[in-house]
Amino acid sequence: MAAITNFFLVMSNDNAETVLRVGAEMDYLSSHRVTWVVLTKDTETFQCKYCVHLDLTVIHARPQEHNQIYNYMFDKYAQSVLYRSRDGLIWTEEEMEAAYYLDLILLISRVIVHLPGEGIGPIFIDCNRVSPYEGSHVNFSGLIEQLPMQNDSGVYGRWVLDDVSYMNMALRIAWVNIQAGQVKLIQKVATWTSTTGIQMESGYSALTNNNGVKKYIIVTVVQPPFMMKTVVDNTTVYYGYCKDLIDKIKDILKFEYELYEAPDGLYGTLNDNGTWNGMVNELIKGNADIGVADLSVMAERESAVDFTVPYYDLVGIKILMKAPKFEYTLLKFAAVLEPPVWWCFAAAYFLTGILLCLFDRYSPYSYQNNKEKYADDDETRIFTIKEGLWFCITSLTPQGGGEAPKSVSGRLIAATWWLFGFIMIASYTANLAAFLTVQRFESPIQSLDDLAGQYDIGYAPIEGTATLTYFQRMADIEEKFYT
């Protein structure tokens, strides 16, 4: 039944109502992909009691009276007289059949009257007689010759006499607008005859040009951020990038749509038995007209369905991992250098402070041992252990360490510490910037080879996606060529 899109019912209105009731139970009345055409001799305006919740535009065809008076009155009053009346505006079924047979009898009568010869008179036949019939004979050749000559327009129409004789009746075709099951408007759009076909009225180009809003069934798969859903007042509401995209297209092309999820929640892959699943299966079966989702373009899928230009062209396979958690402490700055480096720096610091104290005390050229020599010097300083350590610390700052030792040995130690401190500060600053930058992007997995070469992190592709197909292909290739 899913492949049937057009239903033609040749029956009475009552029987058509019964069929439509079954169609309503099978959800065929609300489907925009199914067209119902009812051909009937009933002249009553068709009322679909099962369409009470639908707004429809129906193409309605009824017999057109040959009498021009009837046509004029119909054009004038059809908008207000929507049901069968007995005032002559719309024929009843009995009146149509009577008109048909009246035209047939009139044609035969005119032919008989104009037959050459004696014509045809009453014939009395005795069933008990076995002798051949004696009386006037019908001139059938003359009868056939008179048929086209006496064929004139009748009440119902004009006869067409050729290899297949028939009545050239006319149908008046109109658009019947039904809102909530009630007929609201009738517009005459065309006239049909067997000889001329469909003749459109002025201002109409086609029977399907009824300005009706198209409605499409769209299938999707929930996958954030492209398509997401929530429940509001027991109603499922979809949102996301794809939802916004189809809404923008709807506003431009002027159509309506109904959105639903693929029953199995898959995008669509080809099974081993040659059948499809997911969204692709819904499109192939005709359950949906359009698929909107983050669906990758694949050669297998292109052989089954058509794709638009990708709105998000992502090249290659991306690895999505859980972001690592970093611990932030007050001593985070100390992690820039390794602990042995810090221990060596501390040892050098204390060693330098002690050496400054020893050289200042025991060197004969220090200020402590030559106070008379440096009596007029304002920059004097006795280096104790405390002053030595303070000198080393302040030397690492832009303020500077203050008065330097006077002895050569003390100044050599101070210069060595200055050079050491400069290198340490430069190294720490460079490592600190690199440490804070690289830490954010550092990941143990950088490629598929890294992923396949480790066993600590478990991984898997999403079912029914192009990534899963890629891994399946790679597995098949390795099995065929490397095993």
Protein backbone atom coordinates (compact mmCIF):
# COMPACT_ATOMS: atom_id res chain seq x y z
CA MET A 1 0.00 0.00 0.00
CA ALA A 2 2.88 2.40 0.61
CA ALA A 3 3.65 2.53 -3.14
CA ILE A 4 0.06 3.54 -4.06
CA THR A 5 -0.31 7.30 -4.31
CA ASN A 6 -3.51 7.71 -6.35
CA PHE A 7 -6.89 6.16 -5.56
CA PHE A 8 -9.73 6.38 -8.10
CA LEU A 9 -13.16 5.51 -6.73
CA VAL A 10 -15.93 4.93 -9.30
CA MET A 11 -18.98 4.55 -7.10
CA SER A 12 -21.74 6.38 -5.32
CA ASN A 13 -21.11 8.91 -2.59
CA ASP A 14 -22.28 6.47 0.09
CA ASN A 15 -19.85 3.79 -1.04
CA ALA A 16 -17.09 6.39 -1.34
CA GLU A 17 -17.76 7.41 2.26
CA THR A 18 -17.26 3.79 3.32
CA VAL A 19 -13.96 3.53 1.48
CA LEU A 20 -12.78 6.84 2.94
CA ARG A 21 -13.67 5.61 6.40
CA VAL A 22 -11.24 2.72 5.87
CA GLY A 23 -8.72 5.19 4.47
CA ALA A 24 -9.06 7.32 7.59
CA GLU A 25 -8.40 4.28 9.79
CA MET A 26 -5.24 3.59 7.77
CA ASP A 27 -4.18 7.28 8.02
CA TYR A 28 -4.46 7.79 4.27
CA LEU A 29 -6.71 10.86 4.44
CA SER A 30 -4.15 13.05 6.22
CA SER A 31 -1.24 11.89 4.05
CA HIS A 32 -0.19 14.53 1.53
CA ARG A 33 1.32 11.83 -0.70
CA VAL A 34 -2.05 10.21 -1.46
CA THR A 35 -4.61 11.63 -3.92
CA TRP A 36 -8.26 10.59 -3.81
CA VAL A 37 -10.36 10.97 -6.96
CA VAL A 38 -14.05 10.13 -6.71
CA LEU A 39 -16.06 9.64 -9.94
CA THR A 40 -19.78 9.42 -9.34
CA LYS A 41 -23.10 10.31 -10.88
CA ASP A 42 -24.33 11.68 -7.58
CA THR A 43 -24.80 15.42 -7.79
CA GLU A 44 -24.90 16.09 -4.08
CA THR A 45 -21.94 18.05 -2.78
CA PHE A 46 -19.56 15.51 -1.38
CA GLN A 47 -19.29 15.70 2.41
CA CYS A 48 -16.33 13.96 4.05
CA LYS A 49 -17.41 13.33 7.62
CA TYR A 50 -13.97 11.87 8.35
CA CYS A 51 -12.26 15.15 7.36
CA VAL A 52 -13.58 17.20 10.28
CA HIS A 53 -10.06 17.89 11.56
CA LEU A 54 -8.52 18.59 8.16
CA ASP A 55 -8.32 21.55 5.77
CA LEU A 56 -8.45 20.26 2.19
CA THR A 57 -8.74 21.53 -1.35
CA VAL A 58 -10.56 18.90 -3.44
CA ILE A 59 -10.74 18.76 -7.24
CA HIS A 60 -14.44 18.17 -7.87
CA ALA A 61 -15.85 17.20 -11.29
CA ARG A 62 -19.59 17.05 -12.03
CA PRO A 63 -21.58 16.67 -15.27
CA GLN A 64 -22.13 19.95 -17.03
CA GLU A 65 -25.55 20.63 -18.50
CA HIS A 66 -25.58 21.41 -22.20
CA ASN A 67 -28.31 23.98 -21.75
CA GLN A 68 -26.65 27.37 -21.48
CA ILE A 69 -29.33 28.59 -19.08
CA TYR A 70 -28.23 26.00 -16.53
CA ASN A 71 -24.58 27.03 -16.91
CA TYR A 72 -25.39 30.70 -16.42
CA MET A 73 -27.42 30.00 -13.33
CA PHE A 74 -24.71 27.77 -11.89
CA ASP A 75 -22.02 30.43 -12.40
CA LYS A 76 -24.27 32.97 -10.72
CA TYR A 77 -25.50 30.99 -7.73
CA ALA A 78 -22.93 28.21 -7.16
CA GLN A 79 -21.14 30.15 -4.42
CA SER A 80 -24.28 30.29 -2.29
CA VAL A 81 -25.98 27.01 -3.28
CA LEU A 82 -23.56 24.34 -2.13
CA TYR A 83 -26.00 21.46 -1.75
CA ARG A 84 -28.30 19.77 -4.23
CA SER A 85 -31.41 21.82 -4.81
CA ARG A 86 -34.68 21.06 -6.59
CA ASP A 87 -34.92 24.39 -8.41
CA GLY A 88 -33.07 23.22 -11.50
CA LEU A 89 -29.62 24.61 -10.71
CA ILE A 90 -28.05 21.18 -10.30
CA TRP A 91 -29.41 18.03 -11.93
CA THR A 92 -30.32 14.98 -9.98
CA GLU A 93 -29.06 11.55 -10.97
CA GLU A 94 -32.50 10.65 -12.35
CA GLU A 95 -32.60 13.85 -14.40
CA MET A 96 -29.17 13.18 -15.87
CA GLU A 97 -30.12 9.64 -16.89
CA ALA A 98 -33.42 10.88 -18.32
CA ALA A 99 -31.59 13.51 -20.36
CA TYR A 100 -29.15 10.91 -21.67
CA TYR A 101 -31.86 8.53 -22.86
CA LEU A 102 -33.94 11.43 -24.17
CA ASP A 103 -31.08 12.48 -26.43
CA LEU A 104 -30.69 8.87 -27.59
CA ILE A 105 -34.42 8.52 -28.40
CA LEU A 106 -34.48 11.89 -30.17
CA LEU A 107 -31.54 10.88 -32.34
CA ILE A 108 -33.13 7.58 -33.34
CA SER A 109 -36.48 9.27 -33.98
CA ARG A 110 -34.96 11.87 -36.27
CA VAL A 111 -33.10 9.17 -38.18
CA ILE A 112 -36.25 7.06 -38.65
CA VAL A 113 -38.29 10.03 -39.80
CA HIS A 114 -35.74 10.91 -42.44
CA LEU A 115 -35.20 7.35 -43.69
CA PRO A 116 -35.82 7.07 -47.45
CA GLY A 117 -38.69 4.87 -48.58
CA GLU A 118 -41.78 3.83 -46.72
CA GLY A 119 -40.22 4.11 -43.32
CA ILE A 120 -41.03 1.66 -40.55
CA GLY A 121 -44.52 0.80 -39.42
CA PRO A 122 -45.95 -1.46 -36.71
CA ILE A 123 -45.17 -5.15 -37.20
CA PHE A 124 -47.33 -7.96 -35.81
CA ILE A 125 -45.64 -11.31 -35.53
CA ASP A 126 -47.37 -14.60 -34.82
CA CYS A 127 -45.13 -16.87 -32.86
CA ASN A 128 -46.93 -19.92 -34.22
CA ARG A 129 -46.09 -19.09 -37.81
CA VAL A 130 -43.14 -20.82 -39.37
CA SER A 131 -43.22 -19.00 -42.68
CA PRO A 132 -40.61 -16.34 -43.33
CA TYR A 133 -41.33 -12.80 -42.24
CA GLU A 134 -43.24 -10.77 -44.78
CA GLY A 135 -43.44 -7.04 -44.40
CA SER A 136 -41.41 -3.85 -44.66
CA HIS A 137 -37.73 -4.19 -44.10
CA VAL A 138 -35.47 -1.73 -42.29
CA ASN A 139 -32.91 -0.03 -44.50
CA PHE A 140 -29.95 -0.39 -42.15
CA SER A 141 -27.52 1.16 -44.60
CA GLY A 142 -29.72 4.22 -44.81
CA LEU A 143 -30.04 4.23 -41.01
CA ILE A 144 -26.27 4.36 -40.59
CA GLU A 145 -26.01 7.10 -43.18
CA GLN A 146 -28.63 9.21 -41.42
CA LEU A 147 -27.03 8.97 -37.97
CA PRO A 148 -24.30 11.62 -38.50
CA MET A 149 -26.70 13.79 -40.50
CA GLN A 150 -29.29 13.92 -37.74
CA ASN A 151 -26.77 14.15 -34.89
CA ASP A 152 -27.63 17.45 -33.28
CA SER A 153 -27.01 18.88 -29.85
CA GLY A 154 -29.45 17.46 -27.37
CA VAL A 155 -30.32 18.21 -23.79
CA TYR A 156 -27.38 16.33 -22.33
CA GLY A 157 -24.75 16.55 -25.05
CA ARG A 158 -23.77 15.57 -28.55
CA TRP A 159 -23.08 12.05 -29.78
CA VAL A 160 -19.70 11.08 -31.21
CA LEU A 161 -20.18 8.51 -33.98
CA ASP A 162 -17.06 6.68 -35.11
CA ASP A 163 -15.58 3.25 -34.47
CA VAL A 164 -16.59 3.60 -30.82
CA SER A 165 -19.76 5.66 -30.42
CA TYR A 166 -20.29 7.56 -27.18
CA MET A 167 -21.89 10.66 -25.74
CA ASN A 168 -19.58 13.67 -25.77
CA MET A 169 -20.54 14.80 -22.32
CA ALA A 170 -18.85 17.66 -20.50
CA LEU A 171 -17.54 17.87 -16.97
CA ARG A 172 -17.33 21.06 -14.95
CA ILE A 173 -14.15 20.99 -12.81
CA ALA A 174 -13.96 23.14 -9.70
CA TRP A 175 -11.84 23.54 -6.59
CA VAL A 176 -13.82 22.82 -3.45
CA ASN A 177 -12.23 24.24 -0.33
CA ILE A 178 -13.09 22.25 2.80
CA GLN A 179 -12.27 23.68 6.19
CA ALA A 180 -12.91 21.60 9.31
CA GLY A 181 -15.08 19.26 7.23
CA GLN A 182 -17.33 22.05 5.84
CA VAL A 183 -17.41 23.32 2.25
CA LYS A 184 -16.41 26.99 2.32
CA LEU A 185 -15.70 27.92 -1.30
CA ILE A 186 -16.21 26.62 -4.85
CA GLN A 187 -14.12 27.94 -7.75
CA LYS A 188 -14.68 26.82 -11.34
CA VAL A 189 -11.28 26.21 -12.91
CA ALA A 190 -11.79 24.11 -16.06
CA THR A 191 -14.14 22.22 -18.37
CA TRP A 192 -13.50 18.76 -19.78
CA THR A 193 -14.87 17.10 -22.91
CA SER A 194 -13.82 13.94 -24.66
CA THR A 195 -12.80 15.83 -27.80
CA THR A 196 -11.04 18.90 -26.41
CA GLY A 197 -9.81 17.53 -23.13
CA ILE A 198 -9.28 19.94 -20.24
CA GLN A 199 -9.86 23.59 -21.06
CA MET A 200 -8.64 25.86 -18.25
CA GLU A 201 -10.62 28.93 -17.30
CA SER A 202 -9.05 32.37 -17.57
CA GLY A 203 -6.63 33.01 -14.75
CA TYR A 204 -5.81 29.33 -14.12
CA SER A 205 -2.87 27.47 -15.59
CA ALA A 206 -3.17 23.96 -14.17
CA LEU A 207 -5.44 21.89 -11.97
CA THR A 208 -2.69 21.57 -9.37
CA ASN A 209 -2.18 25.33 -9.18
CA ASN A 210 -4.56 25.70 -6.27
CA ASN A 211 -2.17 27.67 -4.06
CA GLY A 212 -2.27 24.86 -1.53
CA VAL A 213 0.52 24.66 1.02
CA LYS A 214 2.72 21.62 0.48
CA LYS A 215 3.46 19.43 3.44
CA TYR A 216 6.45 17.12 3.75
CA ILE A 217 7.24 14.30 6.14
CA ILE A 218 10.80 14.74 7.48
CA VAL A 219 12.77 12.05 9.29
CA THR A 220 15.67 12.86 11.60
CA VAL A 221 18.02 11.44 14.22
CA VAL A 222 18.62 13.13 17.56
CA GLN A 223 22.29 14.07 17.77
CA PRO A 224 23.37 17.23 19.63
CA PRO A 225 23.92 19.94 18.59
CA PHE A 226 22.37 19.26 15.17
CA MET A 227 19.07 17.91 16.48
CA MET A 228 17.88 17.87 20.09
CA LYS A 229 14.51 17.44 21.74
CA THR A 230 12.68 18.21 24.92
CA VAL A 231 9.19 17.58 26.29
CA VAL A 232 6.94 20.57 26.98
CA ASP A 233 3.38 19.92 28.24
CA ASN A 234 3.57 16.26 27.11
CA THR A 235 4.57 17.41 23.61
CA THR A 236 7.94 16.63 22.05
CA VAL A 237 9.66 19.80 20.86
CA TYR A 238 12.70 19.57 18.57
CA TYR A 239 15.44 22.19 18.39
CA GLY A 240 19.00 22.51 17.18
CA TYR A 241 20.96 23.49 14.09
CA CYS A 242 19.05 21.24 11.65
CA LYS A 243 15.71 22.39 13.08
CA ASP A 244 16.64 26.03 12.57
CA LEU A 245 17.90 25.25 9.06
CA ILE A 246 14.69 23.54 7.91
CA ASP A 247 12.63 26.37 9.43
CA LYS A 248 14.54 28.92 7.36
CA ILE A 249 14.02 26.85 4.20
CA LYS A 250 10.32 26.53 5.04
CA ASP A 251 9.97 30.31 5.28
CA ILE A 252 11.59 30.77 1.88
CA LEU A 253 9.81 27.97 -0.06
CA LYS A 254 6.49 28.25 1.79
CA PHE A 255 5.72 24.69 2.88
CA GLU A 256 4.76 22.83 6.03
CA TYR A 257 6.40 19.74 7.47
CA GLU A 258 5.98 17.03 10.06
CA LEU A 259 9.12 15.90 11.89
CA TYR A 260 9.68 12.47 13.41
CA GLU A 261 12.60 10.31 14.52
CA ALA A 262 13.80 7.20 12.74
CA PRO A 263 12.27 4.23 14.59
CA ASP A 264 15.64 2.56 15.20
CA GLY A 265 17.47 5.85 15.82
CA LEU A 266 20.12 5.07 13.16
CA TYR A 267 21.39 7.11 10.24
CA GLY A 268 21.31 4.31 7.70
CA THR A 269 23.69 1.50 6.80
CA LEU A 270 23.50 -1.37 4.34
CA ASN A 271 22.93 -4.69 6.10
CA ASP A 272 24.41 -8.00 5.05
CA ASN A 273 21.11 -9.04 3.45
CA GLY A 274 21.09 -5.97 1.21
CA THR A 275 18.48 -3.96 3.13
CA TRP A 276 18.87 -0.55 4.70
CA ASN A 277 18.09 0.64 8.19
CA GLY A 278 17.68 4.02 9.86
CA MET A 279 16.82 7.22 8.02
CA VAL A 280 17.79 5.83 4.62
CA ASN A 281 15.32 2.97 5.05
CA GLU A 282 12.51 5.44 5.86
CA LEU A 283 13.27 7.39 2.68
CA ILE A 284 13.44 4.28 0.51
CA LYS A 285 10.13 2.94 1.81
CA GLY A 286 8.45 6.28 1.20
CA ASN A 287 7.58 6.85 4.84
CA ALA A 288 9.43 10.18 4.68
CA ASP A 289 10.04 12.71 1.93
CA ILE A 290 13.13 14.40 3.37
CA GLY A 291 15.86 13.46 5.83
CA VAL A 292 17.46 16.21 7.92
CA ALA A 293 20.39 15.30 10.18
CA ASP A 294 24.17 15.23 10.41
CA LEU A 295 24.21 12.47 7.78
CA SER A 296 27.54 11.84 6.04
CA VAL A 297 27.64 11.47 2.26
CA MET A 298 28.76 7.95 1.33
CA ALA A 299 28.90 6.08 -1.96
CA GLU A 300 26.51 3.39 -0.71
CA ARG A 301 23.97 5.96 0.46
CA GLU A 302 24.19 7.94 -2.78
CA SER A 303 23.13 4.84 -4.68
CA ALA A 304 19.91 4.73 -2.66
CA VAL A 305 18.99 8.38 -1.91
CA ASP A 306 19.89 11.84 -3.18
CA PHE A 307 21.93 14.31 -1.17
CA THR A 308 22.04 18.09 -1.14
CA VAL A 309 25.25 20.09 -0.98
CA PRO A 310 26.70 19.47 2.51
CA TYR A 311 25.97 22.31 4.89
CA TYR A 312 28.80 21.19 7.20
CA ASP A 313 31.75 19.71 5.34
CA LEU A 314 33.90 17.96 7.95
CA VAL A 315 36.93 16.35 6.33
CA GLY A 316 38.38 13.24 7.94
CA ILE A 317 37.57 11.37 11.14
CA LYS A 318 37.76 13.26 14.40
CA ILE A 319 38.55 11.69 17.76
CA LEU A 320 36.35 12.94 20.56
CA MET A 321 37.77 12.40 24.04
CA LYS A 322 36.79 13.41 27.52
CA ALA A 323 38.66 16.51 28.60
CA PRO A 324 41.27 15.72 31.30
CA LYS A 325 40.80 17.28 34.71
CA PHE A 326 43.63 19.51 35.94
CA GLU A 327 44.35 20.18 39.62
CA TYR A 328 44.99 23.82 40.44
CA THR A 329 47.01 24.59 43.65
CA LEU A 330 48.85 27.57 45.07
CA LEU A 331 52.17 25.86 44.27
CA LYS A 332 51.27 25.33 40.60
CA PHE A 333 54.09 27.68 39.60
CA ALA A 334 56.61 25.27 41.11
CA ALA A 335 55.60 22.51 38.69
CA VAL A 336 57.35 24.35 35.86
CA LEU A 337 60.71 22.92 36.93
CA GLU A 338 61.53 19.48 38.17
CA PRO A 339 62.10 19.03 41.94
CA PRO A 340 65.85 18.25 41.53
CA VAL A 341 66.27 21.61 39.79
CA TRP A 342 64.64 23.41 42.71
CA TRP A 343 66.85 21.52 45.19
CA CYS A 344 69.96 22.49 43.26
CA PHE A 345 68.83 26.12 43.16
CA ALA A 346 68.27 26.13 46.92
CA ALA A 347 71.68 24.54 47.53
CA ALA A 348 73.39 27.13 45.31
CA TYR A 349 71.54 29.90 47.13
CA PHE A 350 72.68 28.85 50.60
CA LEU A 351 76.20 28.00 49.40
CA THR A 352 76.62 31.42 47.82
CA GLY A 353 75.40 33.23 50.97
CA ILE A 354 77.81 31.26 53.19
CA LEU A 355 80.76 31.84 50.83
CA LEU A 356 80.09 35.57 50.80
CA CYS A 357 80.14 35.54 54.62
CA LEU A 358 83.41 33.52 54.78
CA PHE A 359 85.28 35.57 52.15
CA ASP A 360 84.21 38.81 53.75
CA ARG A 361 85.47 37.66 57.18
CA TYR A 362 88.78 36.07 56.19
CA SER A 363 89.85 37.97 53.11
CA PRO A 364 92.50 40.67 53.87
CA TYR A 365 90.93 42.92 51.23
CA SER A 366 87.40 42.90 52.59
CA TYR A 367 85.80 45.89 54.28
CA GLN A 368 85.58 44.01 57.56
CA ASN A 369 89.39 43.65 57.66
CA ASN A 370 90.25 47.09 56.14
CA LYS A 371 87.93 49.57 57.80
CA GLU A 372 90.61 52.34 57.82
CA LYS A 373 91.07 52.02 54.04
CA TYR A 374 87.37 52.40 53.36
CA ALA A 375 86.67 54.98 56.12
CA ASP A 376 85.57 57.62 53.61
CA ASP A 377 83.56 55.16 51.43
CA ASP A 378 79.78 55.47 51.86
CA GLU A 379 79.05 52.05 50.29
CA THR A 380 80.23 49.70 52.98
CA ARG A 381 78.71 46.45 54.13
CA ILE A 382 79.65 43.66 56.50
CA PHE A 383 78.51 40.34 55.01
CA THR A 384 77.23 38.04 57.69
CA ILE A 385 75.31 34.89 56.80
CA LYS A 386 72.09 36.87 57.07
CA GLU A 387 73.41 39.69 54.82
CA GLY A 388 74.84 37.15 52.37
CA LEU A 389 71.53 35.37 51.92
CA TRP A 390 69.69 38.68 51.63
CA PHE A 391 72.16 39.84 48.99
CA CYS A 392 71.52 36.67 46.94
CA ILE A 393 67.75 37.12 47.07
CA THR A 394 67.69 40.82 46.22
CA SER A 395 70.15 40.28 43.39
CA LEU A 396 67.45 38.32 41.53
CA THR A 397 65.03 41.28 41.62
CA PRO A 398 65.10 44.48 39.53
CA GLN A 399 65.88 46.40 42.76
CA GLY A 400 69.33 44.84 42.91
CA GLY A 401 71.37 43.38 45.77
CA GLY A 402 72.79 46.63 47.20
CA GLU A 403 76.48 47.14 48.19
CA ALA A 404 78.77 44.49 46.67
CA PRO A 405 81.73 42.89 48.51
CA LYS A 406 85.04 44.83 48.45
CA SER A 407 87.33 41.83 48.13
CA VAL A 408 88.13 40.27 44.75
CA SER A 409 87.08 36.80 45.92
CA GLY A 410 83.76 38.14 47.22
CA ARG A 411 83.06 40.01 44.00
CA LEU A 412 83.88 36.89 41.97
CA ILE A 413 81.32 34.93 43.99
CA ALA A 414 78.73 37.73 43.54
CA ALA A 415 79.31 37.88 39.75
CA THR A 416 78.96 34.11 39.52
CA TRP A 417 75.65 34.29 41.39
CA TRP A 418 74.39 37.07 39.15
CA LEU A 419 75.09 35.03 36.04
CA PHE A 420 73.49 31.97 37.58
CA GLY A 421 70.42 33.93 38.63
CA PHE A 422 70.00 35.50 35.18
CA ILE A 423 70.03 32.07 33.52
CA MET A 424 67.59 30.63 36.06
CA ILE A 425 65.10 33.49 35.70
CA ALA A 426 65.21 33.32 31.89
CA SER A 427 64.74 29.54 31.89
CA TYR A 428 61.89 29.69 34.41
CA THR A 429 60.03 32.39 32.48
CA ALA A 430 60.27 30.49 29.19
CA ASN A 431 59.25 27.19 30.73
CA LEU A 432 56.36 28.80 32.57
CA ALA A 433 54.83 30.20 29.36
CA ALA A 434 55.27 26.89 27.54
CA PHE A 435 53.89 24.95 30.50
CA LEU A 436 50.69 26.99 30.75
CA THR A 437 50.10 26.83 26.97
CA VAL A 438 50.89 23.21 26.18
CA GLN A 439 49.03 21.88 29.20
CA ARG A 440 45.67 22.88 27.72
CA PHE A 441 46.18 21.01 24.45
CA GLU A 442 48.19 18.09 25.62
CA SER A 443 46.52 14.77 24.83
CA PRO A 444 47.91 11.26 24.82
CA ILE A 445 45.99 10.47 21.57
CA GLN A 446 46.93 12.47 18.46
CA SER A 447 46.01 10.07 15.62
CA LEU A 448 44.27 6.78 14.83
CA ASP A 449 47.63 5.04 15.12
CA ASP A 450 48.00 6.32 18.68
CA LEU A 451 44.48 5.15 19.42
CA ALA A 452 45.08 1.68 18.02
CA GLY A 453 48.51 1.35 19.67
CA GLN A 454 47.32 1.67 23.27
CA TYR A 455 45.07 -0.38 25.57
CA ASP A 456 44.29 2.00 28.41
CA ILE A 457 41.57 4.03 26.69
CA GLY A 458 38.54 2.23 25.29
CA TYR A 459 36.97 3.61 22.12
CA ALA A 460 34.07 2.88 19.74
CA PRO A 461 32.31 4.62 16.82
CA ILE A 462 28.61 5.53 16.85
CA GLU A 463 26.43 2.81 15.36
CA GLY A 464 25.14 3.47 11.87
CA THR A 465 27.60 6.27 11.09
CA ALA A 466 30.19 6.70 8.35
CA THR A 467 32.95 6.19 10.94
CA LEU A 468 31.65 2.71 11.74
CA THR A 469 31.59 1.89 8.03
CA TYR A 470 35.19 3.10 7.74
CA PHE A 471 36.40 0.78 10.53
CA GLN A 472 34.41 -2.12 9.06
CA ARG A 473 36.05 -1.58 5.69
CA MET A 474 39.51 -1.40 7.26
CA ALA A 475 38.82 -4.62 9.18
CA ASP A 476 37.69 -6.37 5.99
CA ILE A 477 40.78 -5.19 4.12
CA GLU A 478 43.13 -6.37 6.86
CA GLU A 479 41.35 -9.71 7.04
CA LYS A 480 41.58 -10.25 3.26
CA PHE A 481 45.11 -9.03 2.61
CA TYR A 482 47.01 -9.46 5.88
CA THR A 483 45.65 -12.71 7.31
